[in-house]
Amino acid sequence: MPKAKRAAQNRLKILMVASEVTPFAKTGGLADVVGALPKRLHEFGHDVRIVMPLYSSIHRDTFKKHAAPLGVPIGWGEMWGAVWEGTLPKSDVPIYFLENESLYGRPGVYGEKGRSYDDNLARFTFLSRGALQLAKYLHWHPDVFHVHDWMTAVIPLYLNTWERETELGASASVLTLHNLAHQGSFPKEQLPTLQLDWNHFTYLELERYDHINLLKGGIYHSTLIATVSPTYAEEIQTPEFGEGLHEVIRSRADSLRGILNGIDETVWNPETDPNIPAHFSAKKLTGKKTCKKELQKEAGLPVREDVPLIGMVSRLDAQKGFDVVAEAMPRILDGLDCQLVMLGTGEYWAETFFGNLSHHRPDRVQAWINFDTKLAHRIEAGCDFFLMPSHFEPCGLNQMYSQRYGTLPIVHAVGGLEDTVDNYDQEKGAGTGFKVHDLNANSLFDTIGWACWAFHNRPKHILAMRRQAMRKHFTWEAPAREYQGVYWEAVRRRRGLSL
């Protein structure tokens, strides 16, 4: 078979449908995945495209508006929206934006001032159903719809109902679970918004605690399911991590795949990063000392090379382990010679606690209660250790950034943290970080103390670990190849072909 023909046969049409995509709108790691994975898939030769809402915060100056409006079946009738088309930055990947001022013409992605929008079911039903309508409007029929979290999890259900006998009936679906804690739960009285029969409101499909649960329906109906790390794929089949959905996930265990996220190593690169005061590499770490010194100055901390500097960049809430950090802080400040810098916003109690701590202990703690991307880079580059004691962490990205900068993560051994950090082996002087295996204030104090002990007493180990960490790679190459395999498996399953 000619090479060109074989390449065409191996080319998949993939439509990513997501509520957020970097750099257009972002609240979490989901946006980073959808902003990066399609680029690598495109490089592999696949025809991959993206659909997302056109939020009011998105500048449309460089987009092209399609002449015809798009009609989307929803509720008791139809809603209309405009279609805008652009490309992912630094790529040829097309991205379509669905415009509807009544649904998306507001400041937030999901809500404002800590409260979700009351019409989120309608907002993301419009996105989900709109993506299906768009594919038909474009006369472009995807082999795979790749959907993300609850916001687009109803698409697999539509493919198995409304679209089963249409030109989209052969399309497979892959649902990636980024965070099982968010499930898309709505009052059952809103079911007509979805234009689905009540026979889908069952224990097996959409019903949970007498409410609609979009994620549960997506898990049930998707051709295949992916999570953002292998360990998280195992964890969510248990009551401890399954967020009440462990039974339905366990029933689909043969269709579940754990694929670790990647990061953009051109952005997170200490040899070229424009946001840090000095560059460095695994071979030449002198610049890291400069970064630490300048970060201590910026934080108003005593400039000391001989004290371990610990960083945190995170949403400030209990899920990220800040409740445990707060409980452990008195012992940390009294018992360990270390400094702490943190950056983030979140729950009021956490902002208040760490803000007050920074005010009362300015010689030991600096808490920046905001978010600053450039400062996040300086923290990653300037710290000795990076603290991530999340109660659960589907994948996590900061522990990967940290290792790229020779900043050794101190993590709770769950989810992607377990998969990406190699625990310190004191006998061999090897590893890329330090793990807490049973998270509480005492164990966290002990593990931070262990890291500080190694810093003071095993400096050669720390140096070797920094270099080992910096030589690890977390690109999108391997994850994209794994997803490519998942797509092909999903297509074969959907079409009843042999594997």
Protein backbone atom coordinates (compact mmCIF):
# COMPACT_ATOMS: atom_id res chain seq x y z
CA MET A 1 0.00 0.00 0.00
CA PRO A 2 1.41 3.46 -0.88
CA LYS A 3 2.67 5.39 2.14
CA ALA A 4 0.32 8.36 1.57
CA LYS A 5 -2.73 6.08 1.38
CA ARG A 6 -1.68 4.23 4.52
CA ALA A 7 -1.22 7.56 6.35
CA ALA A 8 -4.70 8.68 5.26
CA GLN A 9 -6.19 5.44 6.55
CA ASN A 10 -4.52 5.95 9.91
CA ARG A 11 -5.78 9.54 10.18
CA LEU A 12 -8.56 10.05 12.68
CA LYS A 13 -11.08 12.87 12.85
CA ILE A 14 -11.23 13.93 16.51
CA LEU A 15 -13.50 16.60 17.97
CA MET A 16 -12.55 17.85 21.43
CA VAL A 17 -15.44 19.47 23.28
CA ALA A 18 -14.53 21.35 26.44
CA SER A 19 -15.76 24.14 28.68
CA GLU A 20 -12.32 25.76 28.90
CA VAL A 21 -9.18 25.80 26.77
CA THR A 22 -5.85 27.50 27.43
CA PRO A 23 -5.21 30.34 26.63
CA PHE A 24 -8.81 31.42 25.97
CA ALA A 25 -10.38 30.48 29.31
CA LYS A 26 -8.91 28.62 32.26
CA THR A 27 -9.93 27.70 35.79
CA GLY A 28 -7.86 24.51 36.13
CA GLY A 29 -5.82 21.77 34.53
CA LEU A 30 -8.59 20.72 32.13
CA ALA A 31 -7.89 23.86 30.08
CA ASP A 32 -4.18 23.04 29.87
CA VAL A 33 -4.88 19.53 28.59
CA VAL A 34 -7.25 20.70 25.84
CA GLY A 35 -4.87 23.51 24.94
CA ALA A 36 -1.91 21.15 24.49
CA LEU A 37 -3.01 17.61 23.56
CA PRO A 38 -4.62 18.56 20.20
CA LYS A 39 -1.37 20.15 19.01
CA ARG A 40 0.57 16.94 19.47
CA LEU A 41 -2.23 14.85 17.90
CA HIS A 42 -2.18 17.22 14.92
CA GLU A 43 1.57 16.65 14.61
CA PHE A 44 0.83 12.91 14.43
CA GLY A 45 -1.30 13.62 11.34
CA HIS A 46 -4.80 13.52 12.83
CA ASP A 47 -7.57 15.97 11.91
CA VAL A 48 -8.30 17.30 15.38
CA ARG A 49 -10.58 20.24 16.14
CA ILE A 50 -11.96 21.88 19.28
CA VAL A 51 -15.30 23.36 20.33
CA MET A 52 -15.79 25.64 23.35
CA PRO A 53 -18.11 28.48 24.42
CA LEU A 54 -17.36 32.07 23.42
CA TYR A 55 -17.24 33.67 26.86
CA SER A 56 -17.40 37.46 27.09
CA SER A 57 -13.79 37.52 28.31
CA ILE A 58 -12.50 36.04 25.04
CA HIS A 59 -11.25 38.54 22.47
CA ARG A 60 -12.55 37.63 19.04
CA ASP A 61 -10.54 40.08 16.93
CA THR A 62 -8.63 37.36 15.08
CA PHE A 63 -11.58 34.96 14.65
CA LYS A 64 -13.77 34.46 11.59
CA LYS A 65 -17.54 34.50 12.08
CA HIS A 66 -19.52 31.96 10.07
CA ALA A 67 -22.36 33.51 8.11
CA ALA A 68 -25.05 31.03 9.10
CA PRO A 69 -26.27 30.80 12.71
CA LEU A 70 -26.38 27.43 14.43
CA GLY A 71 -29.66 26.04 15.71
CA VAL A 72 -29.31 23.91 18.85
CA PRO A 73 -32.18 21.72 20.15
CA ILE A 74 -32.57 22.37 23.87
CA GLY A 75 -35.41 22.41 26.36
CA TRP A 76 -38.80 22.75 24.74
CA GLY A 77 -37.46 24.05 21.45
CA GLU A 78 -34.33 25.46 19.90
CA MET A 79 -31.74 28.12 20.75
CA TRP A 80 -29.57 29.87 18.22
CA GLY A 81 -25.95 30.88 18.34
CA ALA A 82 -23.19 32.19 16.15
CA VAL A 83 -20.12 30.15 15.25
CA TRP A 84 -16.69 31.77 15.34
CA GLU A 85 -13.55 30.05 14.12
CA GLY A 86 -9.90 30.52 15.06
CA THR A 87 -6.83 28.41 15.73
CA LEU A 88 -4.95 27.34 18.82
CA PRO A 89 -1.94 29.66 19.22
CA LYS A 90 1.26 28.40 17.61
CA SER A 91 -0.61 25.68 15.73
CA ASP A 92 -2.93 24.94 12.83
CA VAL A 93 -5.54 23.28 15.07
CA PRO A 94 -8.99 24.79 14.35
CA ILE A 95 -11.06 25.89 17.32
CA TYR A 96 -14.75 26.77 17.07
CA PHE A 97 -16.44 29.08 19.56
CA LEU A 98 -20.19 28.90 20.14
CA GLU A 99 -21.65 32.33 20.87
CA ASN A 100 -24.87 32.89 22.78
CA GLU A 101 -25.01 36.12 24.72
CA SER A 102 -27.73 34.97 27.12
CA LEU A 103 -25.67 31.94 28.18
CA TYR A 104 -22.04 33.07 27.94
CA GLY A 105 -22.13 36.87 28.09
CA ARG A 106 -21.03 37.09 31.72
CA PRO A 107 -17.72 37.31 33.60
CA GLY A 108 -17.32 33.76 34.90
CA VAL A 109 -16.83 30.37 33.30
CA TYR A 110 -18.97 28.47 35.81
CA GLY A 111 -20.08 31.13 38.27
CA GLU A 112 -19.24 34.27 40.22
CA LYS A 113 -18.31 35.08 43.82
CA GLY A 114 -18.14 31.44 44.83
CA ARG A 115 -21.58 30.55 43.48
CA SER A 116 -22.34 28.52 40.36
CA TYR A 117 -24.66 29.97 37.76
CA ASP A 118 -28.23 28.70 38.14
CA ASP A 119 -28.50 27.93 34.42
CA ASN A 120 -25.31 25.88 34.09
CA LEU A 121 -27.27 22.87 32.87
CA ALA A 122 -28.60 24.92 29.95
CA ARG A 123 -25.20 26.53 29.33
CA PHE A 124 -23.36 23.25 28.93
CA THR A 125 -26.22 21.41 27.26
CA PHE A 126 -26.03 24.12 24.60
CA LEU A 127 -22.29 23.47 24.26
CA SER A 128 -22.72 19.68 24.10
CA ARG A 129 -25.67 19.59 21.72
CA GLY A 130 -24.15 22.48 19.81
CA ALA A 131 -20.96 20.50 19.15
CA LEU A 132 -23.02 17.72 17.57
CA GLN A 133 -24.96 20.22 15.46
CA LEU A 134 -21.74 21.94 14.44
CA ALA A 135 -20.23 18.69 13.15
CA LYS A 136 -23.29 18.19 10.94
CA TYR A 137 -23.25 21.84 9.84
CA LEU A 138 -19.60 21.46 8.78
CA HIS A 139 -20.33 18.13 7.01
CA TRP A 140 -17.42 16.80 9.07
CA HIS A 141 -18.20 13.63 10.95
CA PRO A 142 -15.72 12.83 13.74
CA ASP A 143 -14.49 9.33 14.34
CA VAL A 144 -14.22 10.29 18.02
CA PHE A 145 -15.82 12.88 20.26
CA HIS A 146 -13.36 13.49 23.10
CA VAL A 147 -15.30 15.07 25.98
CA HIS A 148 -14.07 16.38 29.30
CA ASP A 149 -15.67 16.21 32.77
CA TRP A 150 -19.36 16.75 33.53
CA MET A 151 -19.70 19.82 31.34
CA THR A 152 -19.70 17.75 28.12
CA ALA A 153 -20.37 14.28 29.56
CA VAL A 154 -23.89 14.20 28.08
CA ILE A 155 -22.48 13.93 24.53
CA PRO A 156 -21.96 10.13 24.76
CA LEU A 157 -25.58 9.80 25.85
CA TYR A 158 -26.74 11.85 22.85
CA LEU A 159 -24.62 9.69 20.54
CA ASN A 160 -26.46 6.65 21.91
CA THR A 161 -29.92 8.22 21.60
CA TRP A 162 -30.69 11.22 19.36
CA GLU A 163 -27.71 10.63 17.06
CA ARG A 164 -27.71 6.82 16.88
CA GLU A 165 -29.41 6.75 13.48
CA THR A 166 -27.82 9.92 12.08
CA GLU A 167 -24.54 10.48 10.26
CA LEU A 168 -22.90 10.74 13.71
CA GLY A 169 -24.12 7.33 14.80
CA ALA A 170 -20.77 5.66 14.12
CA SER A 171 -18.82 8.22 16.17
CA ALA A 172 -17.14 6.83 19.28
CA SER A 173 -16.80 8.78 22.51
CA VAL A 174 -13.96 9.11 25.00
CA LEU A 175 -14.66 10.80 28.34
CA THR A 176 -11.69 12.10 30.32
CA LEU A 177 -12.25 12.47 34.07
CA HIS A 178 -10.13 15.37 35.30
CA ASN A 179 -11.72 15.70 38.74
CA LEU A 180 -14.45 13.39 39.98
CA ALA A 181 -15.41 15.80 42.74
CA HIS A 182 -17.34 17.90 40.22
CA GLN A 183 -20.19 15.87 38.72
CA GLY A 184 -22.79 18.22 37.26
CA SER A 185 -25.65 17.61 39.69
CA PHE A 186 -28.98 19.35 38.97
CA PRO A 187 -32.61 19.04 40.14
CA LYS A 188 -34.46 16.33 38.24
CA GLU A 189 -37.09 18.89 37.26
CA GLN A 190 -34.53 20.27 34.79
CA LEU A 191 -34.40 17.01 32.79
CA PRO A 192 -36.47 18.52 29.92
CA THR A 193 -33.55 20.89 29.27
CA LEU A 194 -31.61 17.86 28.01
CA GLN A 195 -34.45 16.67 25.74
CA LEU A 196 -34.04 13.15 27.11
CA ASP A 197 -36.74 10.68 28.11
CA TRP A 198 -37.33 9.89 31.77
CA ASN A 199 -36.28 6.29 31.12
CA HIS A 200 -32.69 7.61 31.24
CA PHE A 201 -33.24 8.98 34.74
CA THR A 202 -32.33 5.67 36.39
CA TYR A 203 -29.88 4.35 38.96
CA LEU A 204 -27.67 3.03 36.16
CA GLU A 205 -27.62 6.23 34.11
CA LEU A 206 -28.40 9.83 35.11
CA GLU A 207 -29.96 9.50 38.56
CA ARG A 208 -28.08 9.99 41.82
CA TYR A 209 -29.78 10.99 45.07
CA ASP A 210 -32.89 11.92 43.07
CA HIS A 211 -30.88 14.47 41.06
CA ILE A 212 -29.54 14.52 37.51
CA ASN A 213 -25.86 13.55 37.52
CA LEU A 214 -24.31 14.30 34.14
CA LEU A 215 -20.95 12.71 34.90
CA LYS A 216 -22.56 9.45 35.94
CA GLY A 217 -24.50 9.35 32.68
CA GLY A 218 -21.32 10.02 30.73
CA ILE A 219 -19.44 7.26 32.52
CA TYR A 220 -22.24 4.82 31.71
CA HIS A 221 -22.55 5.77 28.02
CA SER A 222 -18.97 6.57 26.91
CA THR A 223 -17.26 4.12 24.60
CA LEU A 224 -14.08 4.45 26.67
CA ILE A 225 -13.12 6.45 29.76
CA ALA A 226 -9.77 8.00 30.61
CA THR A 227 -8.40 9.57 33.76
CA VAL A 228 -5.40 11.87 34.07
CA SER A 229 -3.11 9.41 35.86
CA PRO A 230 -2.86 5.62 36.27
CA THR A 231 -3.09 5.77 40.07
CA TYR A 232 -6.21 7.96 39.95
CA ALA A 233 -7.80 5.37 37.64
CA GLU A 234 -7.35 2.79 40.40
CA GLU A 235 -8.32 5.13 43.25
CA ILE A 236 -11.69 6.19 41.82
CA GLN A 237 -12.89 2.59 41.91
CA THR A 238 -12.80 2.75 45.72
CA PRO A 239 -15.25 4.37 48.17
CA GLU A 240 -12.48 6.62 49.53
CA PHE A 241 -11.79 8.37 46.22
CA GLY A 242 -14.81 7.50 44.07
CA GLU A 243 -16.96 10.42 45.23
CA GLY A 244 -19.99 8.14 45.35
CA LEU A 245 -19.51 6.93 41.76
CA HIS A 246 -17.09 4.08 42.50
CA GLU A 247 -19.65 1.38 41.73
CA VAL A 248 -20.55 2.67 38.26
CA ILE A 249 -16.84 3.25 37.54
CA ARG A 250 -15.97 -0.26 38.73
CA SER A 251 -18.67 -1.62 36.42
CA ARG A 252 -16.78 0.03 33.51
CA ALA A 253 -13.30 -1.02 34.71
CA ASP A 254 -12.55 -2.81 31.44
CA SER A 255 -13.14 0.48 29.61
CA LEU A 256 -11.07 2.67 31.95
CA ARG A 257 -7.58 3.92 31.04
CA GLY A 258 -5.17 5.99 33.15
CA ILE A 259 -3.09 8.40 31.06
CA LEU A 260 -0.75 10.82 32.77
CA ASN A 261 -0.99 14.44 31.63
CA GLY A 262 2.01 16.18 30.14
CA ILE A 263 3.30 19.73 30.47
CA ASP A 264 4.67 22.26 28.01
CA GLU A 265 8.41 21.98 28.56
CA THR A 266 9.07 24.98 26.34
CA VAL A 267 7.22 27.15 28.87
CA TRP A 268 8.59 25.44 31.98
CA ASN A 269 12.29 25.40 31.18
CA PRO A 270 14.87 26.86 33.60
CA GLU A 271 17.38 27.27 30.78
CA THR A 272 15.18 29.70 28.83
CA ASP A 273 12.42 30.92 31.20
CA PRO A 274 12.07 34.72 30.78
CA ASN A 275 10.28 35.04 34.14
CA ILE A 276 13.19 34.07 36.41
CA PRO A 277 16.24 36.15 37.40
CA ALA A 278 18.86 33.60 36.33
CA HIS A 279 18.91 30.54 34.11
CA PHE A 280 20.31 27.16 35.10
CA SER A 281 20.45 23.52 34.08
CA ALA A 282 21.04 20.09 35.61
CA LYS A 283 24.72 20.43 34.71
CA LYS A 284 25.12 23.99 35.97
CA LEU A 285 22.93 24.87 38.98
CA THR A 286 24.57 28.17 39.95
CA GLY A 287 21.61 30.15 38.61
CA LYS A 288 19.24 28.36 41.00
CA LYS A 289 21.10 29.88 43.95
CA THR A 290 20.56 33.32 42.43
CA CYS A 291 16.84 32.56 41.97
CA LYS A 292 16.56 31.57 45.64
CA LYS A 293 18.35 34.69 46.83
CA GLU A 294 16.16 36.99 44.71
CA LEU A 295 12.97 35.21 45.80
CA GLN A 296 13.90 35.61 49.46
CA LYS A 297 14.43 39.33 48.83
CA GLU A 298 11.10 39.63 46.99
CA ALA A 299 9.34 37.83 49.85
CA GLY A 300 10.97 40.02 52.50
CA LEU A 301 12.59 36.97 54.10
CA PRO A 302 16.12 36.84 55.51
CA VAL A 303 18.48 35.98 52.66
CA ARG A 304 20.01 32.71 53.82
CA GLU A 305 21.46 30.04 51.58
CA ASP A 306 21.66 27.62 54.51
CA VAL A 307 17.91 27.49 55.22
CA PRO A 308 15.49 25.40 53.12
CA LEU A 309 12.93 27.50 51.25
CA ILE A 310 9.59 25.73 50.72
CA GLY A 311 7.07 26.93 48.12
CA MET A 312 3.38 26.44 47.43
CA VAL A 313 1.39 27.62 44.40
CA SER A 314 -2.19 26.46 44.66
CA ARG A 315 -5.85 27.11 45.12
CA LEU A 316 -6.20 27.69 48.87
CA ASP A 317 -8.74 25.13 50.04
CA ALA A 318 -9.09 21.93 52.00
CA GLN A 319 -8.85 19.63 48.95
CA LYS A 320 -5.33 20.90 48.36
CA GLY A 321 -4.42 20.02 51.95
CA PHE A 322 -4.34 23.52 53.39
CA ASP A 323 -6.39 22.34 56.37
CA VAL A 324 -3.55 19.95 57.25
CA VAL A 325 -0.88 22.57 56.57
CA ALA A 326 -2.68 25.02 58.87
CA GLU A 327 -2.83 22.43 61.65
CA ALA A 328 0.86 21.58 61.23
CA MET A 329 2.13 25.18 60.98
CA PRO A 330 2.76 25.81 64.72
CA ARG A 331 5.02 22.73 64.90
CA ILE A 332 6.72 23.60 61.61
CA LEU A 333 7.53 27.14 62.74
CA ASP A 334 8.61 26.07 66.22
CA GLY A 335 10.48 22.90 65.31
CA LEU A 336 12.04 23.38 61.87
CA ASP A 337 14.52 25.91 60.53
CA CYS A 338 12.83 26.67 57.21
CA GLN A 339 11.08 29.42 55.27
CA LEU A 340 7.74 29.23 53.45
CA VAL A 341 6.39 31.19 50.48
CA MET A 342 2.94 30.62 49.01
CA LEU A 343 0.86 32.03 46.18
CA GLY A 344 -2.84 31.58 45.54
CA THR A 345 -6.42 32.47 46.29
CA GLY A 346 -9.29 30.36 47.53
CA GLU A 347 -11.46 29.80 50.56
CA TYR A 348 -11.85 32.74 52.92
CA TRP A 349 -10.61 30.89 56.01
CA ALA A 350 -7.40 29.83 54.23
CA GLU A 351 -6.72 33.29 52.80
CA THR A 352 -7.25 34.78 56.28
CA PHE A 353 -5.17 32.19 58.14
CA PHE A 354 -2.12 32.34 55.88
CA GLY A 355 -2.42 36.09 55.37
CA ASN A 356 -2.34 36.59 59.15
CA LEU A 357 0.53 34.12 59.49
CA SER A 358 2.52 36.10 56.94
CA HIS A 359 1.79 39.32 58.86
CA HIS A 360 2.78 37.91 62.27
CA ARG A 361 5.81 35.86 61.11
CA PRO A 362 7.33 37.93 58.26
CA ASP A 363 10.75 36.42 59.00
CA ARG A 364 9.48 32.91 58.17
CA VAL A 365 6.39 33.15 55.95
CA GLN A 366 5.26 35.15 52.93
CA ALA A 367 1.76 34.54 51.58
CA TRP A 368 0.77 36.31 48.38
CA ILE A 369 -3.04 36.12 48.29
CA ASN A 370 -3.43 36.60 44.55
CA PHE A 371 -2.34 34.86 41.40
CA ASP A 372 0.62 35.92 39.30
CA THR A 373 1.91 33.59 36.59
CA LYS A 374 5.38 35.15 36.48
CA LEU A 375 5.70 34.91 40.27
CA ALA A 376 4.66 31.25 40.07
CA HIS A 377 7.67 30.66 37.81
CA ARG A 378 9.97 32.46 40.25
CA ILE A 379 8.68 30.33 43.14
CA GLU A 380 9.25 27.12 41.18
CA ALA A 381 12.78 28.24 40.30
CA GLY A 382 13.84 29.72 43.64
CA CYS A 383 12.62 27.18 46.18
CA ASP A 384 14.41 24.12 47.50
CA PHE A 385 11.19 22.18 48.06
CA PHE A 386 7.62 22.44 46.78
CA LEU A 387 4.74 21.38 49.06
CA MET A 388 1.67 19.58 47.61
CA PRO A 389 -0.20 17.76 50.40
CA SER A 390 -3.46 17.33 48.46
CA HIS A 391 -6.05 15.00 49.96
CA PHE A 392 -6.58 13.78 46.40
CA GLU A 393 -4.90 14.87 43.17
CA PRO A 394 -6.10 13.35 39.88
CA CYS A 395 -2.89 14.40 38.14
CA GLY A 396 -1.33 17.63 39.34
CA LEU A 397 1.03 19.79 37.32
CA ASN A 398 3.07 21.79 39.81
CA GLN A 399 5.02 18.74 40.96
CA MET A 400 6.14 18.30 37.34
CA TYR A 401 7.04 21.98 36.99
CA SER A 402 9.00 21.74 40.25
CA GLN A 403 11.09 18.81 39.12
CA ARG A 404 11.94 20.62 35.89
CA TYR A 405 13.44 23.37 38.09
CA GLY A 406 15.23 21.06 40.51
CA THR A 407 12.76 21.95 43.26
CA LEU A 408 11.99 18.72 45.10
CA PRO A 409 8.28 18.09 45.72
CA ILE A 410 6.94 17.09 49.14
CA VAL A 411 3.67 15.35 48.27
CA HIS A 412 0.85 13.19 49.53
CA ALA A 413 1.27 9.90 47.64
CA VAL A 414 -2.07 9.95 45.78
CA GLY A 415 -3.13 10.15 42.13
CA GLY A 416 -0.66 11.77 39.79
CA LEU A 417 1.59 12.76 42.69
CA GLU A 418 2.26 9.08 43.34
CA ASP A 419 2.91 8.48 39.63
CA THR A 420 5.30 11.37 38.97
CA VAL A 421 7.45 11.71 42.11
CA ASP A 422 10.14 9.18 43.11
CA ASN A 423 10.44 8.97 46.88
CA TYR A 424 13.79 9.73 48.52
CA ASP A 425 15.90 6.62 49.05
CA GLN A 426 18.15 7.57 51.95
CA GLU A 427 20.46 4.59 51.42
CA LYS A 428 21.10 5.30 47.75
CA GLY A 429 20.79 9.08 47.90
CA ALA A 430 18.32 8.94 45.02
CA GLY A 431 14.79 10.10 44.27
CA THR A 432 13.06 13.26 43.10
CA GLY A 433 10.98 14.17 46.17
CA PHE A 434 9.50 13.18 49.51
CA LYS A 435 6.18 11.39 50.01
CA VAL A 436 3.61 11.44 52.81
CA HIS A 437 1.68 8.16 52.78
CA ASP A 438 -0.92 8.83 55.48
CA LEU A 439 -1.83 12.51 55.42
CA ASN A 440 -2.32 14.25 58.76
CA ALA A 441 -0.61 17.09 60.60
CA ASN A 442 1.91 14.81 62.32
CA SER A 443 2.92 12.88 59.20
CA LEU A 444 3.19 16.09 57.20
CA PHE A 445 5.43 17.63 59.86
CA ASP A 446 7.57 14.48 59.89
CA THR A 447 7.98 14.47 56.10
CA ILE A 448 8.83 18.17 55.89
CA GLY A 449 11.26 17.54 58.74
CA TRP A 450 12.77 14.64 56.79
CA ALA A 451 13.32 16.90 53.77
CA CYS A 452 14.87 19.62 55.95
CA TRP A 453 17.10 17.02 57.64
CA ALA A 454 18.36 15.85 54.23
CA PHE A 455 18.94 19.47 53.19
CA HIS A 456 21.14 20.11 56.23
CA ASN A 457 22.79 16.70 56.62
CA ARG A 458 22.85 15.11 53.16
CA PRO A 459 23.60 18.01 50.78
CA LYS A 460 25.15 15.65 48.22
CA HIS A 461 21.93 13.65 48.17
CA ILE A 462 19.90 16.81 47.61
CA LEU A 463 22.19 17.87 44.77
CA ALA A 464 21.92 14.45 43.11
CA MET A 465 18.14 14.48 43.53
CA ARG A 466 17.87 17.92 41.94
CA ARG A 467 19.77 16.69 38.91
CA GLN A 468 17.76 13.48 38.74
CA ALA A 469 14.52 15.49 38.87
CA MET A 470 15.64 17.93 36.17
CA ARG A 471 16.48 15.09 33.80
CA LYS A 472 12.94 13.73 33.94
CA HIS A 473 10.66 14.66 31.05
CA PHE A 474 6.91 15.22 31.14
CA THR A 475 6.17 16.17 27.53
CA TRP A 476 2.90 15.45 25.72
CA GLU A 477 4.60 12.97 23.37
CA ALA A 478 3.85 9.80 25.37
CA PRO A 479 0.35 10.83 26.58
CA ALA A 480 -0.67 11.76 23.03
CA ARG A 481 0.43 8.36 21.75
CA GLU A 482 -1.56 6.68 24.53
CA TYR A 483 -4.65 8.71 23.63
CA GLN A 484 -4.13 7.80 19.98
CA GLY A 485 -4.34 4.15 20.99
CA VAL A 486 -7.46 4.80 23.07
CA TYR A 487 -9.15 6.55 20.14
CA TRP A 488 -8.49 3.62 17.83
CA GLU A 489 -9.76 1.16 20.42
CA ALA A 490 -12.90 3.26 20.90
CA VAL A 491 -13.55 3.43 17.15
CA ARG A 492 -13.20 -0.33 16.79
CA ARG A 493 -15.50 -0.97 19.73
CA ARG A 494 -18.11 1.46 18.43
CA ARG A 495 -18.11 -0.06 14.97
CA GLY A 496 -17.93 -3.66 16.14
CA LEU A 497 -14.56 -4.26 14.54
CA SER A 498 -12.07 -6.77 15.88
CA LEU A 499 -9.33 -5.39 18.12
